[in-house]
Protein backbone atom coordinates (compact mmCIF):
# COMPACT_ATOMS: atom_id res chain seq x y z
CA MET A 1 164.92 158.48 135.26
CA SER A 2 167.54 156.10 136.26
CA SER A 3 170.14 154.92 134.06
CA ASN A 4 168.24 151.75 134.47
CA GLU A 5 165.36 152.44 132.83
CA ILE A 6 166.68 154.44 129.86
CA SER A 7 168.57 150.93 129.12
CA GLN A 8 165.73 148.72 129.48
CA ARG A 9 163.85 151.30 127.29
CA ASN A 10 166.21 151.37 124.63
CA MET A 11 167.00 147.68 124.62
CA PRO A 12 166.54 146.94 121.19
CA MET A 13 164.16 143.96 119.51
CA PHE A 14 165.30 141.13 117.48
CA ASP A 15 163.92 139.06 115.05
CA ARG A 16 164.10 134.91 115.01
CA LEU A 17 166.29 133.46 112.37
CA PHE A 18 166.23 129.56 111.69
CA PHE A 19 168.65 128.78 109.23
CA GLU A 20 168.39 125.61 106.71
CA ALA A 21 171.33 125.57 104.67
CA GLU A 22 174.44 124.81 105.57
CA LEU A 23 176.81 126.87 107.99
CA PRO A 24 179.81 126.45 108.06
CA THR A 25 180.88 124.08 111.38
CA ASP A 26 184.15 122.49 111.02
CA ASN A 27 185.58 124.74 113.41
CA LEU A 28 183.10 124.43 115.91
CA PRO A 29 183.21 122.30 118.82
CA GLU A 30 182.43 118.88 118.51
CA GLU A 31 179.99 119.76 121.04
CA ILE A 32 178.45 121.73 118.56
CA LYS A 33 179.22 120.43 115.38
CA ASP A 34 176.81 117.56 116.08
CA GLN A 35 173.68 119.65 116.38
CA ASP A 36 170.89 119.73 113.99
CA MET A 37 171.54 123.65 112.92
CA SER A 38 168.69 123.76 110.88
CA GLU A 39 166.25 122.85 113.94
CA LEU A 40 168.15 126.06 116.28
CA GLU A 41 167.08 129.24 116.30
CA PHE A 42 169.18 132.25 115.79
CA GLN A 43 168.77 135.55 116.92
CA THR A 44 169.47 139.03 114.54
CA HIS A 45 169.50 142.22 114.99
CA ASP A 46 169.63 143.21 110.93
CA LEU A 47 166.08 142.21 109.80
CA TYR A 48 163.14 143.73 111.17
CA LYS A 49 163.61 144.06 114.59
CA GLU A 50 160.22 142.98 115.36
CA MET A 51 160.13 139.50 117.39
CA ASP A 52 159.37 138.22 113.81
CA THR A 53 160.47 134.59 112.33
CA TRP A 54 162.80 134.57 109.50
CA SER A 55 164.33 131.66 107.59
CA VAL A 56 166.57 130.38 105.41
CA SER A 57 165.92 127.35 102.94
CA THR A 58 168.07 125.00 101.94
CA ALA A 59 168.26 126.38 98.43
CA GLY A 60 169.33 129.48 100.28
CA GLU A 61 166.40 131.50 99.46
CA LEU A 62 165.42 134.44 103.13
CA PHE A 63 161.78 133.99 103.53
CA LEU A 64 159.34 135.88 106.43
CA HIS A 65 156.87 133.97 108.22
CA GLU A 66 153.85 136.31 107.85
CA VAL A 67 151.61 136.03 111.34
CA GLU A 68 149.04 137.70 112.51
CA GLN A 69 148.69 138.50 116.16
CA ASN A 70 145.86 139.01 118.18
CA ILE A 71 145.57 139.53 122.18
CA VAL A 72 143.43 137.28 123.52
CA ASN A 73 142.33 136.71 127.26
CA GLY A 74 144.83 133.97 129.35
CA LYS A 75 143.40 132.87 132.98
CA ASP A 76 147.08 130.93 133.55
CA SER A 77 149.36 133.95 132.12
CA SER A 78 150.74 135.99 134.81
CA GLU A 79 150.12 138.99 132.31
CA GLY A 80 146.46 137.82 132.04
CA PHE A 81 146.47 138.02 128.40
CA ILE A 82 147.77 135.73 125.56
CA LEU A 83 149.67 136.81 122.47
CA GLU A 84 147.96 134.54 119.80
CA GLU A 85 150.08 134.12 116.06
CA LYS A 86 147.60 133.19 113.34
CA PRO A 87 150.26 131.62 110.33
CA LEU A 88 149.55 133.53 107.48
CA GLY A 89 152.40 131.90 105.21
CA ILE A 90 155.73 132.62 104.28
CA LYS A 91 156.87 135.87 101.79
CA LYS A 92 160.02 135.30 99.59
CA VAL A 93 162.21 138.45 100.85
CA GLU A 94 164.17 139.28 97.93
CA GLU A 95 166.53 142.01 99.46
CA THR A 96 170.26 142.51 99.36
CA LYS A 97 172.02 142.67 102.85
CA SER A 98 174.49 141.29 105.27
CA VAL A 99 173.07 139.54 108.05
CA HIS A 100 174.80 139.31 111.37
CA PHE A 101 173.28 136.09 113.43
CA TYR A 102 173.85 134.65 116.75
CA ARG A 103 173.10 132.19 119.57
CA VAL A 104 174.44 130.63 122.83
CA PHE A 105 175.07 126.74 122.83
CA GLU A 106 175.39 125.34 126.15
CA CYS A 107 177.09 122.73 126.71
CA LYS A 108 177.80 119.93 129.23
CA ASP A 109 181.62 122.22 130.95
CA LEU A 110 181.11 125.38 128.61
CA ASP A 111 178.85 127.19 126.83
CA TYR A 112 179.62 129.12 123.97
CA TRP A 113 178.45 132.19 121.92
CA VAL A 114 178.82 131.75 118.08
CA SER A 115 178.07 134.23 115.26
CA PHE A 116 177.40 133.60 111.76
CA ASP A 117 177.70 136.47 109.12
CA ALA A 118 175.54 135.96 105.84
CA LEU A 119 175.14 138.13 102.56
CA PHE A 120 172.39 138.12 100.71
CA HIS A 121 171.92 139.24 97.26
CA LYS A 122 167.95 140.11 96.25
CA GLY A 123 166.93 137.57 98.77
CA LYS A 124 169.61 134.85 97.84
CA LEU A 125 172.27 133.18 100.08
CA VAL A 126 175.59 134.66 98.32
CA LEU A 127 177.80 133.33 101.05
CA VAL A 128 177.76 132.30 105.21
CA GLU A 129 180.66 132.50 107.29
CA LEU A 130 181.92 131.72 110.59
CA ASN A 131 182.17 134.95 112.48
CA GLU A 132 182.69 134.04 115.81
CA ILE A 133 183.29 131.81 118.86
CA ASN A 134 183.68 132.74 122.37
CA GLU A 135 183.28 130.48 124.87
CA ILE A 136 181.24 131.46 128.08
CA ASP A 137 181.29 130.55 131.61
CA LYS A 138 178.41 128.90 132.49
CA GLU A 139 177.67 131.38 136.25
CA GLN A 140 178.70 134.20 133.48
CA ARG A 141 175.01 132.88 132.01
CA LYS A 142 173.01 132.51 134.71
CA GLU A 143 173.98 135.80 135.79
CA ALA A 144 172.93 137.44 132.60
CA LYS A 145 169.63 134.80 132.18
CA ILE A 146 168.87 136.22 135.91
CA LYS A 147 169.17 139.89 135.02
CA ALA A 148 167.26 139.08 131.61
CA ASP A 149 164.46 137.75 134.03
CA LYS A 150 164.41 140.67 136.69
CA PHE A 151 164.26 142.81 133.16
CA MET A 152 161.28 141.05 131.69
CA GLU A 153 159.50 141.28 135.48
CA SER A 154 160.34 144.72 135.27
CA TYR A 155 158.93 145.58 132.25
CA LYS A 156 155.51 143.12 132.79
CA GLU A 157 155.21 145.43 136.19
CA ARG A 158 155.28 148.82 133.91
CA GLN A 159 152.49 147.39 131.62
CA GLU A 160 150.26 146.60 134.53
CA ARG A 161 150.98 149.87 135.93
CA LYS A 162 150.11 151.16 132.92
CA THR A 163 147.23 149.38 132.36
CA HIS A 164 146.14 150.53 136.13
CA ALA A 165 146.50 153.74 134.92
CA ILE A 166 144.05 153.57 131.52
CA LEU A 167 141.52 151.61 133.62
CA LYS A 168 141.49 154.00 136.73
CA PRO A 169 139.69 156.78 134.68
CA VAL A 170 136.63 153.96 133.82
CA LYS A 171 136.61 152.97 136.88
CA LEU A 172 135.87 156.33 138.07
CA LEU A 173 133.07 156.81 135.64
CA LEU A 174 131.43 153.44 136.14
CA GLY A 175 131.43 154.00 139.39
CA LEU A 176 129.72 157.36 139.23
CA PHE A 177 127.16 156.05 136.79
CA LEU A 178 126.45 153.44 139.55
CA VAL A 179 126.34 155.90 142.21
CA ALA A 180 124.00 157.97 139.83
CA LEU A 181 121.89 154.87 139.21
CA HIS A 182 121.46 154.04 142.49
CA TRP A 183 120.23 157.34 143.25
CA VAL A 184 117.74 157.41 140.54
CA GLY A 185 116.38 154.36 141.42
CA LYS A 186 116.03 155.03 145.03
CA SER A 187 114.33 158.11 143.78
CA ILE A 188 111.68 156.51 141.77
CA SER A 189 111.24 153.64 144.26
CA GLY A 190 110.27 156.99 146.57
CA ILE A 191 107.63 158.51 143.86
CA HIS A 192 106.52 154.94 143.84
CA SER A 193 105.60 154.18 147.41
CA LYS A 194 104.01 158.02 147.34
CA LEU A 195 101.57 156.94 144.79
């Protein structure tokens, strides 16, 4: 197993976070400061890490957006299926924890990696602070996106190989069944012709 395969397997999942409460934006570049932060999607590894959607209300309350997930056939999808999500509602989560969340802001000249830290006490926002701002060279971001796309492509290929491995025995059994059915049909027609 290559180190690339190991790192792909151990890649941590994240959750999406929408932060409607006010964020400290005074030290952010003007290009970022002017954006409506409540409309933007952030990512975090500090919640359930199951690709869930979370939000912090304007009142500073932490919510989990519950969904029912179903896999359905998707003719137009490259994977052959679509993950359908049916919203079930939002649930207030009364946990005491620190949540580090971040996103990349794509701007005209530079891109910025911006992260915040929020502290919740029993699901209520106590404090939110700007953690760091890092300038990112657009070329580096494009290279990282290419790597991420390659990772997703190899992930899809691995999933397809697993699906094919599962289907092979089923196809074999179906083939044997059809051969047996053909043999039985041929034998019955031979008997019938002798009558």
